[in-house]
Amino acid sequence: MLYFVNCDRYFISMKNSIINIDKEILGGTPVFNGTRVPIKNLFDSLEAGETIDEFLEDFEGVSKEQVIKVLELSEKLINSSTEILTENPAG
């Protein structure tokens, strides 16, 4: 669910807000809600072979629940995108 507030701030939500995009925080870079930790840092860490626990040690303000929810949201977005891209509009 996407919430817009004054068109300057918005949150991507799954029960609780997990991603915050606010132009006043890191110029609008998506961050874990309640932190200044960019979501991209999670994916960079995982790509580098770090575990979730190692990421959490480096970024203590982020909870394991937030990480899991971001990964679940990413999976849903990828699955939805794949379905849309593989649809055959010609029938």
Foldseek 3Di string as FASTA:
>chain_A
DKDQDPVQWIFDDDPHGQWIFHCVQPRRAIDGPPDSHHPVLVVVCVVVVHDPVVVCVVPVVHDPVSVVVVVVVVVVVVVVVVVVVPDDPVD
